[in-house]
């Protein structure tokens, strides 16, 4: 199976936002079993390995994540 992010387009920068099961469940208001979360992580492993910027989002607000990413890309305020 082709990497999803490569099929959609060829990004200039690939940013991988990661979070624990608890963080993802709370933020997305998902009611999903842990096995589905683990399957998603497995499917996205290729993107994590290929990313230009990896951000662990646990403990960060959405605004903090945005600022961190924009700062890393040299586009911060």
PDB file of N, CA and C in Angstrom:
ATOM      1  N   UNK A   1       0.841  -1.176   0.000  1.00  0.00           N
ATOM      2  CA  UNK A   1       0.000   0.000   0.000  1.00  0.00           C
ATOM      3  C   UNK A   1       0.889   1.243   0.000  1.00  0.00           C
ATOM      4  N   UNK A   2       0.551   2.203  -0.844  1.00  0.00           N
ATOM      5  CA  UNK A   2       1.322   3.437  -0.924  1.00  0.00           C
ATOM      6  C   UNK A   2       1.093   4.270   0.337  1.00  0.00           C
ATOM      7  N   UNK A   3       2.095   5.032   0.680  1.00  0.00           N
ATOM      8  CA  UNK A   3       1.961   5.915   1.824  1.00  0.00           C
ATOM      9  C   UNK A   3       0.902   6.964   1.526  1.00  0.00           C
ATOM     10  N   UNK A   4      -0.058   7.119   2.432  1.00  0.00           N
ATOM     11  CA  UNK A   4      -1.173   8.036   2.220  1.00  0.00           C
ATOM     12  C   UNK A   4      -0.684   9.446   1.927  1.00  0.00           C
ATOM     13  N   UNK A   5       0.290   9.925   2.686  1.00  0.00           N
ATOM     14  CA  UNK A   5       0.749  11.298   2.510  1.00  0.00           C
ATOM     15  C   UNK A   5       1.451  11.487   1.174  1.00  0.00           C
ATOM     16  N   UNK A   6       1.950  10.436   0.597  1.00  0.00           N
ATOM     17  CA  UNK A   6       2.569  10.542  -0.730  1.00  0.00           C
ATOM     18  C   UNK A   6       1.523  10.493  -1.831  1.00  0.00           C
ATOM     19  N   UNK A   7       0.434   9.757  -1.609  1.00  0.00           N
ATOM     20  CA  UNK A   7      -0.637   9.679  -2.607  1.00  0.00           C
ATOM     21  C   UNK A   7      -1.379  11.008  -2.711  1.00  0.00           C
ATOM     22  N   UNK A   8      -1.563  11.690  -1.596  1.00  0.00           N
ATOM     23  CA  UNK A   8      -2.296  12.954  -1.583  1.00  0.00           C
ATOM     24  C   UNK A   8      -1.494  14.044  -2.290  1.00  0.00           C
ATOM     25  N   UNK A   9      -0.220  14.041  -2.127  1.00  0.00           N
ATOM     26  CA  UNK A   9       0.641  15.046  -2.738  1.00  0.00           C
ATOM     27  C   UNK A   9       2.055  14.861  -2.261  1.00  0.00           C
ATOM     28  N   UNK A  10       2.899  15.736  -2.700  1.00  0.00           N
ATOM     29  CA  UNK A  10       4.299  15.685  -2.291  1.00  0.00           C
ATOM     30  C   UNK A  10       4.569  16.897  -1.398  1.00  0.00           C
ATOM     31  N   UNK A  11       4.479  16.715  -0.089  1.00  0.00           N
ATOM     32  CA  UNK A  11       4.626  17.863   0.810  1.00  0.00           C
ATOM     33  C   UNK A  11       6.051  18.412   0.813  1.00  0.00           C
ATOM     34  N   UNK A  12       6.142  19.722   0.974  1.00  0.00           N
ATOM     35  CA  UNK A  12       7.452  20.348   1.150  1.00  0.00           C
ATOM     36  C   UNK A  12       8.035  19.963   2.502  1.00  0.00           C
ATOM     37  N   UNK A  13       7.168  19.874   3.489  1.00  0.00           N
ATOM     38  CA  UNK A  13       7.564  19.504   4.849  1.00  0.00           C
ATOM     39  C   UNK A  13       6.505  18.554   5.405  1.00  0.00           C
ATOM     40  N   UNK A  14       6.942  17.476   5.989  1.00  0.00           N
ATOM     41  CA  UNK A  14       6.019  16.542   6.623  1.00  0.00           C
ATOM     42  C   UNK A  14       6.141  16.689   8.134  1.00  0.00           C
ATOM     43  N   UNK A  15       5.058  17.153   8.754  1.00  0.00           N
ATOM     44  CA  UNK A  15       5.004  17.341  10.203  1.00  0.00           C
ATOM     45  C   UNK A  15       4.179  16.208  10.782  1.00  0.00           C
ATOM     46  N   UNK A  16       4.729  15.519  11.759  1.00  0.00           N
ATOM     47  CA  UNK A  16       4.041  14.409  12.416  1.00  0.00           C
ATOM     48  C   UNK A  16       3.688  14.835  13.829  1.00  0.00           C
ATOM     49  N   UNK A  17       2.384  14.942  14.104  1.00  0.00           N
ATOM     50  CA  UNK A  17       1.905  15.270  15.439  1.00  0.00           C
ATOM     51  C   UNK A  17       1.541  13.971  16.134  1.00  0.00           C
ATOM     52  N   UNK A  18       2.149  13.730  17.266  1.00  0.00           N
ATOM     53  CA  UNK A  18       1.945  12.475  17.983  1.00  0.00           C
ATOM     54  C   UNK A  18       1.325  12.750  19.340  1.00  0.00           C
ATOM     55  N   UNK A  19       0.567  11.795  19.817  1.00  0.00           N
ATOM     56  CA  UNK A  19      -0.032  11.915  21.133  1.00  0.00           C
ATOM     57  C   UNK A  19      -0.394  10.554  21.676  1.00  0.00           C
ATOM     58  N   UNK A  20      -0.479  10.484  22.980  1.00  0.00           N
ATOM     59  CA  UNK A  20      -0.852   9.235  23.642  1.00  0.00           C
ATOM     60  C   UNK A  20      -2.313   8.899  23.354  1.00  0.00           C
ATOM     61  N   UNK A  21      -2.687   7.682  23.644  1.00  0.00           N
ATOM     62  CA  UNK A  21      -4.073   7.247  23.486  1.00  0.00           C
ATOM     63  C   UNK A  21      -4.993   8.178  24.261  1.00  0.00           C
ATOM     64  N   UNK A  22      -4.624   8.484  25.484  1.00  0.00           N
ATOM     65  CA  UNK A  22      -5.460   9.327  26.334  1.00  0.00           C
ATOM     66  C   UNK A  22      -5.611  10.737  25.753  1.00  0.00           C
ATOM     67  N   UNK A  23      -4.527  11.307  25.293  1.00  0.00           N
ATOM     68  CA  UNK A  23      -4.577  12.652  24.717  1.00  0.00           C
ATOM     69  C   UNK A  23      -5.413  12.667  23.450  1.00  0.00           C
ATOM     70  N   UNK A  24      -5.191  11.716  22.568  1.00  0.00           N
ATOM     71  CA  UNK A  24      -5.940  11.672  21.310  1.00  0.00           C
ATOM     72  C   UNK A  24      -7.431  11.450  21.561  1.00  0.00           C
ATOM     73  N   UNK A  25      -7.753  10.581  22.489  1.00  0.00           N
ATOM     74  CA  UNK A  25      -9.152  10.295  22.802  1.00  0.00           C
ATOM     75  C   UNK A  25      -9.836  11.536  23.356  1.00  0.00           C
ATOM     76  N   UNK A  26      -9.161  12.229  24.249  1.00  0.00           N
ATOM     77  CA  UNK A  26      -9.740  13.425  24.863  1.00  0.00           C
ATOM     78  C   UNK A  26      -9.898  14.559  23.842  1.00  0.00           C
ATOM     79  N   UNK A  27      -8.869  14.809  23.067  1.00  0.00           N
ATOM     80  CA  UNK A  27      -8.907  15.930  22.127  1.00  0.00           C
ATOM     81  C   UNK A  27      -9.899  15.714  20.999  1.00  0.00           C
ATOM     82  N   UNK A  28      -9.960  14.511  20.497  1.00  0.00           N
ATOM     83  CA  UNK A  28     -10.842  14.226  19.366  1.00  0.00           C
ATOM     84  C   UNK A  28     -12.218  13.757  19.810  1.00  0.00           C
ATOM     85  N   UNK A  29     -12.370  13.587  21.124  1.00  0.00           N
ATOM     86  CA  UNK A  29     -13.630  13.083  21.677  1.00  0.00           C
ATOM     87  C   UNK A  29     -14.035  11.771  21.011  1.00  0.00           C
ATOM     88  N   UNK A  30     -13.036  10.914  20.814  1.00  0.00           N
ATOM     89  CA  UNK A  30     -13.272   9.598  20.235  1.00  0.00           C
ATOM     90  C   UNK A  30     -13.642   8.619  21.333  1.00  0.00           C
ATOM     91  N   UNK A  31     -14.503   7.730  21.011  1.00  0.00           N
ATOM     92  CA  UNK A  31     -14.804   6.606  21.885  1.00  0.00           C
ATOM     93  C   UNK A  31     -14.331   5.367  21.124  1.00  0.00           C
ATOM     94  N   UNK A  32     -13.040   5.158  21.138  1.00  0.00           N
ATOM     95  CA  UNK A  32     -12.466   4.070  20.356  1.00  0.00           C
ATOM     96  C   UNK A  32     -11.627   3.176  21.263  1.00  0.00           C
ATOM     97  N   UNK A  33     -11.540   1.919  20.906  1.00  0.00           N
ATOM     98  CA  UNK A  33     -10.717   1.010  21.698  1.00  0.00           C
ATOM     99  C   UNK A  33      -9.230   1.256  21.439  1.00  0.00           C
ATOM    100  N   UNK A  34      -8.436   0.925  22.418  1.00  0.00           N
ATOM    101  CA  UNK A  34      -6.986   1.108  22.316  1.00  0.00           C
ATOM    102  C   UNK A  34      -6.423   0.374  21.090  1.00  0.00           C
ATOM    103  N   UNK A  35      -6.997  -0.761  20.736  1.00  0.00           N
ATOM    104  CA  UNK A  35      -6.477  -1.514  19.581  1.00  0.00           C
ATOM    105  C   UNK A  35      -6.604  -0.691  18.287  1.00  0.00           C
ATOM    106  N   UNK A  36      -7.654   0.117  18.163  1.00  0.00           N
ATOM    107  CA  UNK A  36      -7.798   0.971  16.977  1.00  0.00           C
ATOM    108  C   UNK A  36      -6.728   2.062  16.962  1.00  0.00           C
ATOM    109  N   UNK A  37      -6.445   2.625  18.118  1.00  0.00           N
ATOM    110  CA  UNK A  37      -5.371   3.613  18.244  1.00  0.00           C
ATOM    111  C   UNK A  37      -4.030   2.993  17.837  1.00  0.00           C
ATOM    112  N   UNK A  38      -3.776   1.794  18.336  1.00  0.00           N
ATOM    113  CA  UNK A  38      -2.517   1.120  18.010  1.00  0.00           C
ATOM    114  C   UNK A  38      -2.427   0.793  16.521  1.00  0.00           C
ATOM    115  N   UNK A  39      -3.544   0.430  15.919  1.00  0.00           N
ATOM    116  CA  UNK A  39      -3.563   0.164  14.476  1.00  0.00           C
ATOM    117  C   UNK A  39      -3.276   1.448  13.694  1.00  0.00           C
ATOM    118  N   UNK A  40      -3.847   2.541  14.139  1.00  0.00           N
ATOM    119  CA  UNK A  40      -3.564   3.813  13.477  1.00  0.00           C
ATOM    120  C   UNK A  40      -2.080   4.152  13.575  1.00  0.00           C
ATOM    121  N   UNK A  41      -1.504   3.948  14.734  1.00  0.00           N
ATOM    122  CA  UNK A  41      -0.062   4.199  14.905  1.00  0.00           C
ATOM    123  C   UNK A  41       0.748   3.318  13.956  1.00  0.00           C
ATOM    124  N   UNK A  42       0.337   2.057  13.816  1.00  0.00           N
ATOM    125  CA  UNK A  42       1.044   1.153  12.904  1.00  0.00           C
ATOM    126  C   UNK A  42       0.957   1.672  11.478  1.00  0.00           C
ATOM    127  N   UNK A  43      -0.223   2.095  11.076  1.00  0.00           N
ATOM    128  CA  UNK A  43      -0.417   2.583   9.709  1.00  0.00           C
ATOM    129  C   UNK A  43       0.344   3.876   9.429  1.00  0.00           C
ATOM    130  N   UNK A  44       0.565   4.663  10.458  1.00  0.00           N
ATOM    131  CA  UNK A  44       1.255   5.942  10.269  1.00  0.00           C
ATOM    132  C   UNK A  44       2.754   5.865  10.548  1.00  0.00           C
ATOM    133  N   UNK A  45       3.249   4.688  10.861  1.00  0.00           N
ATOM    134  CA  UNK A  45       4.671   4.533  11.196  1.00  0.00           C
ATOM    135  C   UNK A  45       5.579   5.039  10.076  1.00  0.00           C
ATOM    136  N   UNK A  46       5.213   4.786   8.829  1.00  0.00           N
ATOM    137  CA  UNK A  46       6.024   5.246   7.701  1.00  0.00           C
ATOM    138  C   UNK A  46       6.125   6.765   7.688  1.00  0.00           C
ATOM    139  N   UNK A  47       5.045   7.452   8.025  1.00  0.00           N
ATOM    140  CA  UNK A  47       5.064   8.915   8.064  1.00  0.00           C
ATOM    141  C   UNK A  47       5.934   9.401   9.221  1.00  0.00           C
ATOM    142  N   UNK A  48       5.850   8.728  10.363  1.00  0.00           N
ATOM    143  CA  UNK A  48       6.691   9.120  11.504  1.00  0.00           C
ATOM    144  C   UNK A  48       8.165   8.986  11.152  1.00  0.00           C
ATOM    145  N   UNK A  49       8.518   7.903  10.493  1.00  0.00           N
ATOM    146  CA  UNK A  49       9.923   7.681  10.125  1.00  0.00           C
ATOM    147  C   UNK A  49      10.407   8.698   9.080  1.00  0.00           C
ATOM    148  N   UNK A  50       9.506   9.131   8.212  1.00  0.00           N
ATOM    149  CA  UNK A  50       9.891  10.020   7.112  1.00  0.00           C
ATOM    150  C   UNK A  50       9.701  11.500   7.423  1.00  0.00           C
ATOM    151  N   UNK A  51       9.119  11.821   8.567  1.00  0.00           N
ATOM    152  CA  UNK A  51       8.762  13.218   8.831  1.00  0.00           C
ATOM    153  C   UNK A  51       9.993  14.115   8.973  1.00  0.00           C
ATOM    154  N   UNK A  52       9.767  15.365   8.640  1.00  0.00           N
ATOM    155  CA  UNK A  52      10.792  16.392   8.811  1.00  0.00           C
ATOM    156  C   UNK A  52      10.757  16.986  10.214  1.00  0.00           C
ATOM    157  N   UNK A  53       9.577  16.977  10.793  1.00  0.00           N
ATOM    158  CA  UNK A  53       9.388  17.542  12.126  1.00  0.00           C
ATOM    159  C   UNK A  53       8.440  16.654  12.907  1.00  0.00           C
ATOM    160  N   UNK A  54       8.893  16.167  14.050  1.00  0.00           N
ATOM    161  CA  UNK A  54       8.093  15.314  14.928  1.00  0.00           C
ATOM    162  C   UNK A  54       7.741  16.123  16.170  1.00  0.00           C
ATOM    163  N   UNK A  55       6.452  16.156  16.521  1.00  0.00           N
ATOM    164  CA  UNK A  55       6.015  16.899  17.698  1.00  0.00           C
ATOM    165  C   UNK A  55       5.196  15.988  18.596  1.00  0.00           C
ATOM    166  N   UNK A  56       5.661  15.798  19.807  1.00  0.00           N
ATOM    167  CA  UNK A  56       4.912  15.073  20.835  1.00  0.00           C
ATOM    168  C   UNK A  56       3.968  16.098  21.461  1.00  0.00           C
ATOM    169  N   UNK A  57       2.668  15.901  21.290  1.00  0.00           N
ATOM    170  CA  UNK A  57       1.693  16.914  21.673  1.00  0.00           C
ATOM    171  C   UNK A  57       1.135  16.757  23.086  1.00  0.00           C
ATOM    172  N   UNK A  58       1.420  15.661  23.749  1.00  0.00           N
ATOM    173  CA  UNK A  58       0.913  15.485  25.115  1.00  0.00           C
ATOM    174  C   UNK A  58       1.365  16.664  25.974  1.00  0.00           C
ATOM    175  N   UNK A  59       0.436  17.240  26.686  1.00  0.00           N
ATOM    176  CA  UNK A  59       0.767  18.342  27.582  1.00  0.00           C
ATOM    177  C   UNK A  59       0.830  19.700  26.906  1.00  0.00           C
ATOM    178  N   UNK A  60       0.622  19.741  25.605  1.00  0.00           N
ATOM    179  CA  UNK A  60       0.644  21.014  24.887  1.00  0.00           C
ATOM    180  C   UNK A  60      -0.762  21.390  24.443  1.00  0.00           C
ATOM    181  N   UNK A  61      -1.064  22.657  24.515  1.00  0.00           N
ATOM    182  CA  UNK A  61      -2.346  23.127  23.993  1.00  0.00           C
ATOM    183  C   UNK A  61      -2.259  23.173  22.470  1.00  0.00           C
ATOM    184  N   UNK A  62      -3.401  23.197  21.795  1.00  0.00           N
ATOM    185  CA  UNK A  62      -3.356  23.344  20.338  1.00  0.00           C
ATOM    186  C   UNK A  62      -2.576  24.601  19.915  1.00  0.00           C
ATOM    187  N   UNK A  63      -2.733  25.686  20.638  1.00  0.00           N
ATOM    188  CA  UNK A  63      -2.002  26.922  20.317  1.00  0.00           C
ATOM    189  C   UNK A  63      -0.492  26.717  20.485  1.00  0.00           C
ATOM    190  N   UNK A  64      -0.088  26.017  21.521  1.00  0.00           N
ATOM    191  CA  UNK A  64       1.336  25.750  21.737  1.00  0.00           C
ATOM    192  C   UNK A  64       1.896  24.875  20.619  1.00  0.00           C
ATOM    193  N   UNK A  65       1.116  23.900  20.170  1.00  0.00           N
ATOM    194  CA  UNK A  65       1.558  23.053  19.057  1.00  0.00           C
ATOM    195  C   UNK A  65       1.746  23.902  17.810  1.00  0.00           C
ATOM    196  N   UNK A  66       0.780  24.749  17.514  1.00  0.00           N
ATOM    197  CA  UNK A  66       0.881  25.633  16.350  1.00  0.00           C
ATOM    198  C   UNK A  66       2.117  26.509  16.431  1.00  0.00           C
ATOM    199  N   UNK A  67       2.344  27.129  17.560  1.00  0.00           N
ATOM    200  CA  UNK A  67       3.506  28.004  17.722  1.00  0.00           C
ATOM    201  C   UNK A  67       4.809  27.237  17.588  1.00  0.00           C
ATOM    202  N   UNK A  68       4.861  26.035  18.146  1.00  0.00           N
ATOM    203  CA  UNK A  68       6.064  25.210  18.041  1.00  0.00           C
ATOM    204  C   UNK A  68       6.346  24.869  16.581  1.00  0.00           C
ATOM    205  N   UNK A  69       5.328  24.447  15.851  1.00  0.00           N
ATOM    206  CA  UNK A  69       5.507  24.066  14.448  1.00  0.00           C
ATOM    207  C   UNK A  69       5.903  25.278  13.616  1.00  0.00           C
ATOM    208  N   UNK A  70       5.184  26.379  13.784  1.00  0.00           N
ATOM    209  CA  UNK A  70       5.520  27.576  13.007  1.00  0.00           C
ATOM    210  C   UNK A  70       6.926  28.066  13.335  1.00  0.00           C
ATOM    211  N   UNK A  71       7.306  27.993  14.594  1.00  0.00           N
ATOM    212  CA  UNK A  71       8.662  28.376  14.978  1.00  0.00           C
ATOM    213  C   UNK A  71       9.705  27.493  14.325  1.00  0.00           C
ATOM    214  N   UNK A  72       9.454  26.189  14.326  1.00  0.00           N
ATOM    215  CA  UNK A  72      10.394  25.248  13.716  1.00  0.00           C
ATOM    216  C   UNK A  72      10.512  25.467  12.202  1.00  0.00           C
ATOM    217  N   UNK A  73       9.418  25.937  11.607  1.00  0.00           N
ATOM    218  CA  UNK A  73       9.432  26.183  10.153  1.00  0.00           C
ATOM    219  C   UNK A  73       9.925  27.593   9.825  1.00  0.00           C
ATOM    220  N   UNK A  74      10.279  28.354  10.866  1.00  0.00           N
ATOM    221  CA  UNK A  74      10.753  29.710  10.640  1.00  0.00           C
ATOM    222  C   UNK A  74       9.654  30.675  10.274  1.00  0.00           C
ATOM    223  N   UNK A  75       8.430  30.330  10.671  1.00  0.00           N
ATOM    224  CA  UNK A  75       7.278  31.173  10.352  1.00  0.00           C
ATOM    225  C   UNK A  75       6.595  31.695  11.599  1.00  0.00           C
ATOM    226  N   UNK A  76       7.313  31.663  12.696  1.00  0.00           N
ATOM    227  CA  UNK A  76       6.720  32.102  13.965  1.00  0.00           C
ATOM    228  C   UNK A  76       6.538  33.593  14.009  1.00  0.00           C
ATOM    229  N   UNK A  77       5.776  34.007  15.026  1.00  0.00           N
ATOM    230  CA  UNK A  77       5.499  35.439  15.156  1.00  0.00           C
ATOM    231  C   UNK A  77       6.658  36.193  15.760  1.00  0.00           C
TER     232      UNK A  77
END
